[in-house]
Every structure is written in C-alpha cells, then in structure tokens.
Amino acid sequence: MIATIKTSVEAYLCPMIQIDDKIVSLEVVQKAFVCDLHACKGACCVEGDSGAPLTEEEVGILKDEYENFKPYLRQEGVDSVEAQGTSVVDDDGDFVTPLRDGKECAYTVFSKEGMAMCGIELAWKEGKTHFRKPISCHLYPIRTKRYRDFEAVNYERWNICSDACTLGQSLKVSVHQFAKEALIRKYGEDWFNALDEASRSL
C-alpha cells in the first residue's frame, strides 16, 4: 500500500495525501490534538445541532444491540431513544444518533464530576456489547465523507476542542496519531502505517 502526496486544483492547490481511494488532508498529520477531558468535560457529546453521524451498517447495529447497552443509559436517554428510535435522520438526510430534547446525544451518560461519556462504550468495556461506539465518535476530530470516486478524510476544527489542541502541542501528538486506533478500526493497519510513513516524509 503506497501513499502519495498530491495537489488538488479543486481544493485550491491544497496538498494532500492519497492512499488507495482515500484523500487525506495534510492537517490530519500536521495538526496536534489530544483530548483533554478534564478541561472540556466531553463537550463533543453535548454540543452541536444533531447527533453523531452513523453508517448504514451502524443503524442496524444500534437497533440490534440496543437492549445490551440500554442498562448503561440514563432514563432520559432511554426515553429519548424509545420515543425517536435508535437512530434518526437529520435535516441533511443523514443517519445520526438521537438527541435528548435537542441537547446531548441520547447515548450520553455523565460521571459524578459532570464529565460526558458514551453509555454504549461503557457497556462495551464490560463486554456487554460487541459494538464500541459509532466510528464517527471514535475518529473525532477526524471526519470522513464518501464521494463517488473517493473518500475524504479531514480534520474538523471546533472551538470546544481548543484545550485538546494545546495538550496535543505540548505532548507533540498529531491528529492521526491520536486517532490511530480508530483509523485502524476503519481502514486497517496497513492503511494507517502508509499514512504514518507519509507523514514522516513531509
């Protein structure tokens, strides 16, 4: 598997990395990022206009696995899921997780310290479900989008993650290194290794 550096006229001469049919923004390998949960309290589970993006496969998984992770959810989350469904379609026509009263993701739970966590992942950690959490959540701050001939892999900036950028800079950890486990989950270890090797040649 070979990664190539290319320049896209369509992207206003923005250089990027191509691995197979995946086009990766250089920001993914050049920007620094490490989640600082003590600072942000898991705000990405709470902020935003819609739920976490879901693949069609994940829509089915959430429906099939719901009873396995339901005991880990708050009653407010359970009520929201059972009123709306385990997934919903947003204003853009995309599958996303349901929200609680237009606020946090319905699958969000909170620690005693007020830190937002994924109830699905808590169940996964205890072996109650094989599904860890939506890949879009696992990958964040990386966002992916499928087009006809390629898949875009981009870094999404969000002001609530400013502390994560600061921590990443101090630890010298790039976005792709932070998201290594999720990238391997989505694209495979060989693909990640090709990206990592390409990052060292820049």
N, C-alpha and C. Protein backbone atom coordinates (compact mmCIF):
# COMPACT_ATOMS: atom_id res chain seq x y z
N MET A 1 0.85 -1.18 0.00
CA MET A 1 0.00 0.00 0.00
C MET A 1 0.89 1.24 0.00
N ILE A 2 0.71 2.11 -1.00
CA ILE A 2 1.58 3.27 -1.17
C ILE A 2 0.79 4.55 -1.00
N ALA A 3 1.35 5.46 -0.22
CA ALA A 3 0.75 6.78 -0.05
C ALA A 3 1.45 7.76 -0.97
N THR A 4 0.71 8.62 -1.61
CA THR A 4 1.29 9.63 -2.48
C THR A 4 0.83 11.01 -2.05
N ILE A 5 1.72 12.00 -2.19
CA ILE A 5 1.39 13.38 -1.92
C ILE A 5 0.94 13.99 -3.24
N LYS A 6 -0.22 14.61 -3.25
CA LYS A 6 -0.71 15.21 -4.48
C LYS A 6 -1.28 16.58 -4.19
N THR A 7 -1.48 17.35 -5.26
CA THR A 7 -2.06 18.68 -5.16
C THR A 7 -3.37 18.70 -5.91
N SER A 8 -4.41 19.21 -5.28
CA SER A 8 -5.74 19.26 -5.87
C SER A 8 -6.07 20.66 -6.34
N VAL A 9 -6.32 20.82 -7.64
CA VAL A 9 -6.74 22.11 -8.16
C VAL A 9 -8.11 22.47 -7.60
N GLU A 10 -8.98 21.45 -7.49
CA GLU A 10 -10.32 21.68 -6.97
C GLU A 10 -10.28 22.20 -5.54
N ALA A 11 -9.25 21.84 -4.78
CA ALA A 11 -9.12 22.27 -3.40
C ALA A 11 -8.20 23.48 -3.28
N TYR A 12 -8.15 24.27 -4.38
CA TYR A 12 -7.35 25.49 -4.39
C TYR A 12 -5.88 25.20 -4.11
N LEU A 13 -5.36 24.20 -4.84
CA LEU A 13 -3.95 23.84 -4.76
C LEU A 13 -3.52 23.44 -3.35
N CYS A 14 -4.41 22.80 -2.66
CA CYS A 14 -4.12 22.33 -1.31
C CYS A 14 -3.49 20.94 -1.38
N PRO A 15 -2.25 20.76 -0.87
CA PRO A 15 -1.63 19.43 -0.92
C PRO A 15 -2.34 18.46 0.00
N MET A 16 -2.31 17.20 -0.35
CA MET A 16 -2.99 16.18 0.42
C MET A 16 -2.30 14.84 0.19
N ILE A 17 -2.67 13.86 0.99
CA ILE A 17 -2.11 12.51 0.86
C ILE A 17 -3.19 11.59 0.32
N GLN A 18 -2.82 10.78 -0.67
CA GLN A 18 -3.77 9.80 -1.21
C GLN A 18 -3.27 8.40 -0.91
N ILE A 19 -4.13 7.60 -0.30
CA ILE A 19 -3.86 6.18 -0.05
C ILE A 19 -5.06 5.43 -0.57
N ASP A 20 -4.84 4.60 -1.59
CA ASP A 20 -5.94 3.95 -2.30
C ASP A 20 -6.91 5.03 -2.76
N ASP A 21 -8.20 4.91 -2.41
CA ASP A 21 -9.16 5.93 -2.83
C ASP A 21 -9.49 6.90 -1.70
N LYS A 22 -8.62 6.96 -0.70
CA LYS A 22 -8.82 7.88 0.43
C LYS A 22 -7.92 9.10 0.24
N ILE A 23 -8.52 10.29 0.31
CA ILE A 23 -7.79 11.55 0.18
C ILE A 23 -7.72 12.19 1.56
N VAL A 24 -6.52 12.31 2.10
CA VAL A 24 -6.32 12.77 3.48
C VAL A 24 -5.75 14.18 3.49
N SER A 25 -6.43 15.09 4.17
CA SER A 25 -5.92 16.45 4.34
C SER A 25 -4.62 16.40 5.13
N LEU A 26 -3.67 17.26 4.76
CA LEU A 26 -2.41 17.30 5.49
C LEU A 26 -2.61 17.72 6.94
N GLU A 27 -3.70 18.42 7.23
CA GLU A 27 -3.96 18.81 8.61
C GLU A 27 -4.08 17.59 9.52
N VAL A 28 -4.52 16.46 8.98
CA VAL A 28 -4.68 15.25 9.77
C VAL A 28 -3.34 14.78 10.33
N VAL A 29 -2.27 15.01 9.59
CA VAL A 29 -0.94 14.57 10.05
C VAL A 29 -0.10 15.71 10.61
N GLN A 30 -0.51 16.95 10.37
CA GLN A 30 0.30 18.08 10.80
C GLN A 30 -0.23 18.80 12.03
N LYS A 31 -1.53 18.77 12.26
CA LYS A 31 -2.10 19.43 13.43
C LYS A 31 -1.96 18.54 14.66
N ALA A 32 -1.86 19.20 15.83
CA ALA A 32 -1.71 18.47 17.09
C ALA A 32 -3.05 18.35 17.80
N PHE A 33 -3.25 17.22 18.48
CA PHE A 33 -4.54 17.00 19.15
C PHE A 33 -4.45 15.84 20.13
N VAL A 34 -4.88 16.08 21.36
CA VAL A 34 -5.09 15.03 22.35
C VAL A 34 -6.25 15.47 23.22
N CYS A 35 -7.31 14.71 23.28
CA CYS A 35 -8.48 15.08 24.07
C CYS A 35 -8.08 15.38 25.51
N ASP A 36 -8.55 16.51 26.01
CA ASP A 36 -8.31 16.90 27.39
C ASP A 36 -9.68 16.89 28.10
N LEU A 37 -10.11 15.71 28.48
CA LEU A 37 -11.46 15.54 29.02
C LEU A 37 -11.67 16.29 30.34
N HIS A 38 -10.61 16.47 31.09
CA HIS A 38 -10.75 17.21 32.34
C HIS A 38 -11.06 18.68 32.08
N ALA A 39 -10.65 19.17 30.91
CA ALA A 39 -10.91 20.56 30.55
C ALA A 39 -12.26 20.74 29.86
N CYS A 40 -12.56 19.86 28.90
CA CYS A 40 -13.78 20.05 28.10
C CYS A 40 -14.99 19.30 28.64
N LYS A 41 -14.75 18.32 29.55
CA LYS A 41 -15.83 17.52 30.14
C LYS A 41 -16.64 16.73 29.09
N GLY A 42 -15.99 16.39 27.95
CA GLY A 42 -16.69 15.61 26.93
C GLY A 42 -17.74 16.41 26.19
N ALA A 43 -17.45 17.68 25.94
CA ALA A 43 -18.44 18.59 25.34
C ALA A 43 -18.91 18.16 23.95
N CYS A 44 -18.10 17.37 23.24
CA CYS A 44 -18.50 16.95 21.89
C CYS A 44 -19.71 16.03 21.92
N CYS A 45 -20.00 15.42 23.09
CA CYS A 45 -21.20 14.58 23.22
C CYS A 45 -22.45 15.42 23.48
N VAL A 46 -22.22 16.70 23.79
CA VAL A 46 -23.32 17.57 24.21
C VAL A 46 -23.61 18.67 23.21
N GLU A 47 -22.55 19.29 22.66
CA GLU A 47 -22.71 20.43 21.76
C GLU A 47 -23.07 19.96 20.35
N GLY A 48 -23.60 20.86 19.55
CA GLY A 48 -23.91 20.56 18.16
C GLY A 48 -25.39 20.57 17.87
N ASP A 49 -25.71 20.61 16.58
CA ASP A 49 -27.10 20.71 16.14
C ASP A 49 -27.76 19.36 15.89
N SER A 50 -26.96 18.31 15.76
CA SER A 50 -27.53 16.99 15.51
C SER A 50 -26.64 15.94 16.17
N GLY A 51 -27.09 14.69 16.11
CA GLY A 51 -26.34 13.62 16.74
C GLY A 51 -25.12 13.21 15.95
N ALA A 52 -24.45 12.17 16.42
CA ALA A 52 -23.25 11.67 15.76
C ALA A 52 -23.61 10.99 14.44
N PRO A 53 -22.84 11.26 13.37
CA PRO A 53 -23.10 10.59 12.09
C PRO A 53 -22.98 9.08 12.21
N LEU A 54 -23.86 8.37 11.49
CA LEU A 54 -23.88 6.91 11.51
C LEU A 54 -23.78 6.36 10.10
N THR A 55 -23.13 5.21 9.96
CA THR A 55 -23.16 4.50 8.69
C THR A 55 -24.44 3.67 8.64
N GLU A 56 -24.79 3.21 7.45
CA GLU A 56 -25.99 2.37 7.33
C GLU A 56 -25.83 1.10 8.15
N GLU A 57 -24.63 0.55 8.18
CA GLU A 57 -24.39 -0.66 8.98
C GLU A 57 -24.62 -0.37 10.45
N GLU A 58 -24.16 0.79 10.92
CA GLU A 58 -24.31 1.12 12.33
C GLU A 58 -25.77 1.34 12.72
N VAL A 59 -26.57 1.80 11.79
CA VAL A 59 -28.01 1.95 12.07
C VAL A 59 -28.59 0.60 12.49
N GLY A 60 -28.23 -0.44 11.76
CA GLY A 60 -28.71 -1.78 12.09
C GLY A 60 -28.11 -2.31 13.38
N ILE A 61 -26.83 -2.01 13.61
CA ILE A 61 -26.16 -2.49 14.82
C ILE A 61 -26.79 -1.87 16.06
N LEU A 62 -27.05 -0.57 16.01
CA LEU A 62 -27.66 0.09 17.17
C LEU A 62 -29.01 -0.52 17.51
N LYS A 63 -29.78 -0.83 16.48
CA LYS A 63 -31.09 -1.44 16.70
C LYS A 63 -30.95 -2.83 17.31
N ASP A 64 -30.01 -3.60 16.78
CA ASP A 64 -29.83 -4.98 17.25
C ASP A 64 -29.22 -5.04 18.65
N GLU A 65 -28.34 -4.09 18.97
CA GLU A 65 -27.59 -4.14 20.23
C GLU A 65 -28.21 -3.29 21.34
N TYR A 66 -29.27 -2.58 21.04
CA TYR A 66 -29.82 -1.62 21.99
C TYR A 66 -30.09 -2.23 23.37
N GLU A 67 -30.71 -3.37 23.42
CA GLU A 67 -31.05 -3.97 24.71
C GLU A 67 -29.80 -4.32 25.52
N ASN A 68 -28.67 -4.51 24.84
CA ASN A 68 -27.43 -4.85 25.54
C ASN A 68 -26.81 -3.66 26.25
N PHE A 69 -26.94 -2.48 25.66
CA PHE A 69 -26.35 -1.30 26.32
C PHE A 69 -27.39 -0.40 26.98
N LYS A 70 -28.65 -0.70 26.82
CA LYS A 70 -29.71 0.10 27.44
C LYS A 70 -29.52 0.27 28.95
N PRO A 71 -29.13 -0.77 29.71
CA PRO A 71 -28.97 -0.61 31.16
C PRO A 71 -27.91 0.43 31.56
N TYR A 72 -27.05 0.80 30.63
CA TYR A 72 -25.98 1.75 30.93
C TYR A 72 -26.39 3.20 30.66
N LEU A 73 -27.57 3.39 30.10
CA LEU A 73 -28.03 4.73 29.75
C LEU A 73 -28.81 5.35 30.89
N ARG A 74 -28.89 6.68 30.88
CA ARG A 74 -29.76 7.39 31.82
C ARG A 74 -31.21 7.19 31.39
N GLN A 75 -32.12 7.36 32.31
CA GLN A 75 -33.53 7.20 31.97
C GLN A 75 -33.95 8.23 30.91
N GLU A 76 -33.39 9.44 31.01
CA GLU A 76 -33.70 10.46 30.00
C GLU A 76 -33.26 10.02 28.61
N GLY A 77 -32.12 9.33 28.54
CA GLY A 77 -31.64 8.83 27.27
C GLY A 77 -32.51 7.71 26.74
N VAL A 78 -32.89 6.81 27.62
CA VAL A 78 -33.77 5.71 27.24
C VAL A 78 -35.09 6.25 26.70
N ASP A 79 -35.64 7.23 27.39
CA ASP A 79 -36.91 7.82 26.95
C ASP A 79 -36.77 8.44 25.56
N SER A 80 -35.64 9.10 25.32
CA SER A 80 -35.41 9.74 24.02
C SER A 80 -35.27 8.71 22.92
N VAL A 81 -34.52 7.65 23.18
CA VAL A 81 -34.33 6.60 22.19
C VAL A 81 -35.65 5.91 21.87
N GLU A 82 -36.42 5.61 22.89
CA GLU A 82 -37.64 4.87 22.66
C GLU A 82 -38.74 5.74 22.06
N ALA A 83 -38.59 7.06 22.16
CA ALA A 83 -39.54 7.96 21.51
C ALA A 83 -39.16 8.22 20.05
N GLN A 84 -37.85 8.22 19.76
CA GLN A 84 -37.38 8.59 18.42
C GLN A 84 -36.85 7.42 17.60
N GLY A 85 -36.36 6.39 18.30
CA GLY A 85 -35.70 5.29 17.62
C GLY A 85 -34.22 5.30 17.95
N THR A 86 -33.53 4.21 17.68
CA THR A 86 -32.11 4.11 17.98
C THR A 86 -31.26 4.96 17.06
N SER A 87 -31.83 5.40 15.94
CA SER A 87 -31.18 6.35 15.04
C SER A 87 -32.27 7.21 14.42
N VAL A 88 -31.87 8.37 13.92
CA VAL A 88 -32.81 9.29 13.27
C VAL A 88 -32.14 9.85 12.01
N VAL A 89 -32.93 10.53 11.20
CA VAL A 89 -32.40 11.19 10.01
C VAL A 89 -32.42 12.69 10.26
N ASP A 90 -31.27 13.35 10.04
CA ASP A 90 -31.19 14.79 10.32
C ASP A 90 -31.69 15.62 9.14
N ASP A 91 -31.56 16.93 9.24
CA ASP A 91 -32.06 17.84 8.22
C ASP A 91 -31.35 17.68 6.88
N ASP A 92 -30.14 17.10 6.91
CA ASP A 92 -29.39 16.88 5.66
C ASP A 92 -29.69 15.52 5.05
N GLY A 93 -30.58 14.76 5.69
CA GLY A 93 -30.92 13.44 5.17
C GLY A 93 -29.95 12.35 5.56
N ASP A 94 -29.11 12.61 6.58
CA ASP A 94 -28.11 11.63 7.02
C ASP A 94 -28.56 10.95 8.30
N PHE A 95 -28.14 9.70 8.48
CA PHE A 95 -28.41 8.98 9.72
C PHE A 95 -27.52 9.51 10.83
N VAL A 96 -28.11 9.78 11.99
CA VAL A 96 -27.37 10.26 13.16
C VAL A 96 -27.98 9.64 14.42
N THR A 97 -27.27 9.75 15.53
CA THR A 97 -27.82 9.31 16.80
C THR A 97 -28.89 10.30 17.26
N PRO A 98 -29.89 9.85 18.01
CA PRO A 98 -30.92 10.77 18.51
C PRO A 98 -30.37 11.66 19.61
N LEU A 99 -30.99 12.81 19.79
CA LEU A 99 -30.62 13.74 20.86
C LEU A 99 -31.67 13.70 21.96
N ARG A 100 -31.30 14.16 23.13
CA ARG A 100 -32.26 14.32 24.22
C ARG A 100 -32.75 15.76 24.24
N ASP A 101 -33.99 15.96 23.84
CA ASP A 101 -34.60 17.30 23.83
C ASP A 101 -33.75 18.31 23.07
N GLY A 102 -33.14 17.86 21.97
CA GLY A 102 -32.33 18.75 21.16
C GLY A 102 -31.00 19.12 21.79
N LYS A 103 -30.61 18.40 22.84
CA LYS A 103 -29.36 18.71 23.55
C LYS A 103 -28.33 17.62 23.30
N GLU A 104 -27.88 16.94 24.37
CA GLU A 104 -26.82 15.96 24.21
C GLU A 104 -27.31 14.70 23.50
N CYS A 105 -26.36 13.92 22.99
CA CYS A 105 -26.68 12.62 22.39
C CYS A 105 -27.41 11.77 23.42
N ALA A 106 -28.43 11.07 22.96
CA ALA A 106 -29.24 10.26 23.87
C ALA A 106 -28.43 9.14 24.53
N TYR A 107 -27.29 8.77 23.94
CA TYR A 107 -26.46 7.71 24.50
C TYR A 107 -25.43 8.24 25.49
N THR A 108 -25.48 9.53 25.79
CA THR A 108 -24.54 10.15 26.71
C THR A 108 -24.94 9.89 28.17
N VAL A 109 -23.94 9.58 28.98
CA VAL A 109 -24.13 9.50 30.42
C VAL A 109 -23.11 10.45 31.05
N PHE A 110 -23.30 10.78 32.32
CA PHE A 110 -22.43 11.73 32.98
C PHE A 110 -21.85 11.14 34.26
N SER A 111 -20.55 11.41 34.47
CA SER A 111 -19.90 10.97 35.70
C SER A 111 -20.31 11.89 36.85
N LYS A 112 -19.92 11.55 38.06
CA LYS A 112 -20.23 12.39 39.21
C LYS A 112 -19.61 13.77 39.08
N GLU A 113 -18.51 13.85 38.31
CA GLU A 113 -17.83 15.12 38.12
C GLU A 113 -18.42 15.91 36.96
N GLY A 114 -19.48 15.36 36.34
CA GLY A 114 -20.12 16.06 35.24
C GLY A 114 -19.49 15.84 33.88
N MET A 115 -18.62 14.84 33.77
CA MET A 115 -17.98 14.53 32.50
C MET A 115 -18.88 13.66 31.64
N ALA A 116 -19.09 14.07 30.39
CA ALA A 116 -19.92 13.30 29.48
C ALA A 116 -19.15 12.09 28.95
N MET A 117 -19.82 10.95 28.92
CA MET A 117 -19.22 9.71 28.43
C MET A 117 -20.24 8.98 27.57
N CYS A 118 -19.78 8.03 26.78
CA CYS A 118 -20.68 7.25 25.93
C CYS A 118 -21.17 6.02 26.68
N GLY A 119 -22.47 5.91 26.85
CA GLY A 119 -23.05 4.76 27.52
C GLY A 119 -22.81 3.47 26.76
N ILE A 120 -22.77 3.57 25.44
CA ILE A 120 -22.50 2.38 24.62
C ILE A 120 -21.10 1.86 24.91
N GLU A 121 -20.14 2.78 24.98
CA GLU A 121 -18.76 2.38 25.21
C GLU A 121 -18.57 1.80 26.62
N LEU A 122 -19.31 2.31 27.59
CA LEU A 122 -19.23 1.74 28.93
C LEU A 122 -19.68 0.28 28.92
N ALA A 123 -20.74 0.00 28.17
CA ALA A 123 -21.21 -1.39 28.05
C ALA A 123 -20.18 -2.24 27.32
N TRP A 124 -19.57 -1.68 26.30
CA TRP A 124 -18.54 -2.39 25.52
C TRP A 124 -17.35 -2.76 26.40
N LYS A 125 -16.93 -1.82 27.26
CA LYS A 125 -15.79 -2.07 28.13
C LYS A 125 -16.06 -3.21 29.10
N GLU A 126 -17.32 -3.43 29.41
CA GLU A 126 -17.67 -4.52 30.32
C GLU A 126 -18.11 -5.78 29.58
N GLY A 127 -17.90 -5.79 28.26
CA GLY A 127 -18.19 -6.98 27.47
C GLY A 127 -19.66 -7.26 27.23
N LYS A 128 -20.50 -6.24 27.37
CA LYS A 128 -21.94 -6.44 27.19
C LYS A 128 -22.41 -6.26 25.75
N THR A 129 -21.58 -5.65 24.92
CA THR A 129 -21.90 -5.46 23.51
C THR A 129 -20.61 -5.52 22.70
N HIS A 130 -20.71 -5.99 21.47
CA HIS A 130 -19.52 -6.04 20.61
C HIS A 130 -19.28 -4.70 19.92
N PHE A 131 -20.25 -3.80 20.00
CA PHE A 131 -20.16 -2.51 19.32
C PHE A 131 -19.59 -1.47 20.27
N ARG A 132 -18.47 -0.89 19.93
CA ARG A 132 -17.80 0.04 20.84
C ARG A 132 -18.53 1.39 20.91
N LYS A 133 -18.74 2.01 19.78
CA LYS A 133 -19.46 3.27 19.63
C LYS A 133 -19.40 3.63 18.16
N PRO A 134 -20.20 4.59 17.68
CA PRO A 134 -20.14 4.96 16.27
C PRO A 134 -18.72 5.34 15.86
N ILE A 135 -18.33 4.94 14.67
CA ILE A 135 -16.97 5.21 14.22
C ILE A 135 -16.71 6.70 14.10
N SER A 136 -17.75 7.49 13.84
CA SER A 136 -17.56 8.94 13.74
C SER A 136 -17.13 9.52 15.09
N CYS A 137 -17.63 8.96 16.18
CA CYS A 137 -17.23 9.40 17.53
C CYS A 137 -15.81 8.95 17.83
N HIS A 138 -15.50 7.73 17.45
CA HIS A 138 -14.18 7.16 17.71
C HIS A 138 -13.10 7.93 16.94
N LEU A 139 -13.41 8.34 15.73
CA LEU A 139 -12.44 9.03 14.87
C LEU A 139 -12.23 10.50 15.26
N TYR A 140 -13.19 11.11 15.93
CA TYR A 140 -13.15 12.55 16.13
C TYR A 140 -11.83 13.00 16.75
N PRO A 141 -11.18 14.08 16.22
CA PRO A 141 -11.71 15.15 15.37
C PRO A 141 -11.59 14.92 13.87
N ILE A 142 -11.37 13.68 13.46
CA ILE A 142 -11.36 13.37 12.03
C ILE A 142 -12.79 13.14 11.56
N ARG A 143 -13.12 13.71 10.43
CA ARG A 143 -14.41 13.49 9.79
C ARG A 143 -14.16 12.91 8.40
N THR A 144 -14.97 11.95 8.00
CA THR A 144 -14.85 11.34 6.68
C THR A 144 -16.13 11.55 5.89
N LYS A 145 -15.99 11.63 4.59
CA LYS A 145 -17.16 11.78 3.73
C LYS A 145 -16.90 11.04 2.42
N ARG A 146 -17.86 10.22 2.03
CA ARG A 146 -17.72 9.42 0.81
C ARG A 146 -18.29 10.18 -0.38
N TYR A 147 -17.49 10.29 -1.45
CA TYR A 147 -17.92 10.84 -2.72
C TYR A 147 -17.94 9.72 -3.76
N ARG A 148 -18.27 10.03 -4.96
CA ARG A 148 -18.42 8.98 -5.97
C ARG A 148 -17.11 8.22 -6.19
N ASP A 149 -16.00 8.94 -6.33
CA ASP A 149 -14.73 8.31 -6.70
C ASP A 149 -13.71 8.24 -5.58
N PHE A 150 -13.98 8.84 -4.45
CA PHE A 150 -13.01 8.84 -3.36
C PHE A 150 -13.69 9.12 -2.03
N GLU A 151 -12.93 8.92 -0.96
CA GLU A 151 -13.40 9.24 0.38
C GLU A 151 -12.48 10.30 0.97
N ALA A 152 -13.05 11.40 1.45
CA ALA A 152 -12.27 12.49 2.04
C ALA A 152 -12.08 12.23 3.53
N VAL A 153 -10.87 12.47 4.00
CA VAL A 153 -10.52 12.30 5.41
C VAL A 153 -9.97 13.63 5.90
N ASN A 154 -10.74 14.35 6.70
CA ASN A 154 -10.39 15.72 7.08
C ASN A 154 -10.34 15.90 8.58
N TYR A 155 -9.64 16.94 8.98
CA TYR A 155 -9.59 17.37 10.37
C TYR A 155 -10.64 18.45 10.57
N GLU A 156 -11.51 18.26 11.57
CA GLU A 156 -12.57 19.24 11.83
C GLU A 156 -12.19 20.11 13.03
N ARG A 157 -12.09 21.40 12.80
CA ARG A 157 -11.81 22.34 13.89
C ARG A 157 -13.10 22.68 14.62
N TRP A 158 -13.01 22.74 15.96
CA TRP A 158 -14.17 23.10 16.77
C TRP A 158 -13.64 23.83 18.00
N ASN A 159 -14.20 24.98 18.29
CA ASN A 159 -13.64 25.79 19.38
C ASN A 159 -13.68 25.09 20.73
N ILE A 160 -14.60 24.15 20.91
CA ILE A 160 -14.66 23.45 22.19
C ILE A 160 -13.46 22.52 22.39
N CYS A 161 -12.70 22.30 21.32
CA CYS A 161 -11.54 21.41 21.39
C CYS A 161 -10.22 22.19 21.47
N SER A 162 -10.27 23.46 21.82
CA SER A 162 -9.04 24.26 21.88
C SER A 162 -8.06 23.69 22.91
N ASP A 163 -8.58 23.18 24.03
CA ASP A 163 -7.69 22.58 25.04
C ASP A 163 -7.02 21.32 24.51
N ALA A 164 -7.71 20.59 23.65
CA ALA A 164 -7.13 19.38 23.06
C ALA A 164 -5.98 19.74 22.12
N CYS A 165 -6.12 20.86 21.42
CA CYS A 165 -5.04 21.31 20.54
C CYS A 165 -3.82 21.71 21.37
N THR A 166 -4.07 22.41 22.47
CA THR A 166 -2.98 22.83 23.35
C THR A 166 -2.26 21.63 23.95
N LEU A 167 -3.03 20.65 24.42
CA LEU A 167 -2.44 19.45 25.00
C LEU A 167 -1.66 18.67 23.95
N GLY A 168 -2.22 18.55 22.75
CA GLY A 168 -1.54 17.85 21.68
C GLY A 168 -0.21 18.49 21.33
N GLN A 169 -0.18 19.82 21.32
CA GLN A 169 1.07 20.52 21.04
C GLN A 169 2.11 20.27 22.12
N SER A 170 1.68 20.28 23.37
CA SER A 170 2.63 20.07 24.46
C SER A 170 3.18 18.64 24.46
N LEU A 171 2.33 17.68 24.05
CA LEU A 171 2.75 16.28 24.02
C LEU A 171 3.35 15.87 22.67
N LYS A 172 3.25 16.79 21.68
CA LYS A 172 3.75 16.52 20.33
C LYS A 172 3.09 15.29 19.71
N VAL A 173 1.75 15.28 19.79
CA VAL A 173 0.95 14.19 19.22
C VAL A 173 0.06 14.76 18.13
N SER A 174 0.15 14.21 16.94
CA SER A 174 -0.65 14.70 15.81
C SER A 174 -2.06 14.10 15.86
N VAL A 175 -2.95 14.66 15.05
CA VAL A 175 -4.32 14.17 14.97
C VAL A 175 -4.35 12.69 14.59
N HIS A 176 -3.58 12.32 13.58
CA HIS A 176 -3.65 10.92 13.13
C HIS A 176 -3.07 9.97 14.16
N GLN A 177 -2.06 10.41 14.93
CA GLN A 177 -1.52 9.56 15.98
C GLN A 177 -2.53 9.40 17.12
N PHE A 178 -3.21 10.49 17.46
CA PHE A 178 -4.24 10.42 18.49
C PHE A 178 -5.36 9.46 18.08
N ALA A 179 -5.72 9.49 16.80
CA ALA A 179 -6.84 8.68 16.30
C ALA A 179 -6.38 7.35 15.71
N LYS A 180 -5.19 6.91 16.04
CA LYS A 180 -4.62 5.69 15.45
C LYS A 180 -5.56 4.50 15.57
N GLU A 181 -6.04 4.22 16.76
CA GLU A 181 -6.88 3.04 16.98
C GLU A 181 -8.14 3.10 16.13
N ALA A 182 -8.75 4.29 16.05
CA ALA A 182 -9.97 4.45 15.26
C ALA A 182 -9.69 4.34 13.77
N LEU A 183 -8.58 4.89 13.31
CA LEU A 183 -8.23 4.81 11.89
C LEU A 183 -7.96 3.36 11.49
N ILE A 184 -7.32 2.61 12.36
CA ILE A 184 -7.09 1.19 12.08
C ILE A 184 -8.41 0.44 12.07
N ARG A 185 -9.29 0.78 12.99
CA ARG A 185 -10.63 0.16 13.01
C ARG A 185 -11.36 0.39 11.70
N LYS A 186 -11.22 1.58 11.13
CA LYS A 186 -11.97 1.90 9.91
C LYS A 186 -11.28 1.44 8.63
N TYR A 187 -9.97 1.65 8.56
CA TYR A 187 -9.27 1.41 7.29
C TYR A 187 -8.24 0.27 7.33
N GLY A 188 -7.89 -0.21 8.51
CA GLY A 188 -6.92 -1.29 8.60
C GLY A 188 -5.53 -0.80 8.96
N GLU A 189 -4.72 -1.72 9.50
CA GLU A 189 -3.39 -1.35 9.99
C GLU A 189 -2.44 -0.96 8.87
N ASP A 190 -2.52 -1.66 7.73
CA ASP A 190 -1.63 -1.34 6.61
C ASP A 190 -1.90 0.08 6.11
N TRP A 191 -3.16 0.45 6.06
CA TRP A 191 -3.52 1.80 5.61
C TRP A 191 -2.96 2.84 6.57
N PHE A 192 -3.13 2.61 7.87
CA PHE A 192 -2.61 3.57 8.85
C PHE A 192 -1.08 3.68 8.74
N ASN A 193 -0.41 2.55 8.60
CA ASN A 193 1.05 2.58 8.51
C ASN A 193 1.50 3.37 7.29
N ALA A 194 0.76 3.26 6.19
CA ALA A 194 1.10 4.03 4.98
C ALA A 194 0.93 5.53 5.25
N LEU A 195 -0.13 5.88 5.96
CA LEU A 195 -0.34 7.29 6.30
C LEU A 195 0.75 7.78 7.23
N ASP A 196 1.08 7.01 8.22
CA ASP A 196 2.10 7.40 9.18
C ASP A 196 3.45 7.57 8.50
N GLU A 197 3.79 6.66 7.58
CA GLU A 197 5.05 6.78 6.85
C GLU A 197 5.07 8.04 5.99
N ALA A 198 3.94 8.32 5.35
CA ALA A 198 3.84 9.52 4.52
C ALA A 198 4.02 10.78 5.36
N SER A 199 3.49 10.75 6.60
CA SER A 199 3.59 11.93 7.47
C SER A 199 5.04 12.26 7.80
N ARG A 200 5.90 11.25 7.84
CA ARG A 200 7.29 11.48 8.20
C ARG A 200 8.11 12.03 7.04
N SER A 201 7.55 11.95 5.83
CA SER A 201 8.27 12.45 4.65
C SER A 201 7.94 13.89 4.32
N LEU A 202 7.03 14.49 5.08
CA LEU A 202 6.61 15.86 4.81
C LEU A 202 7.62 16.87 5.36
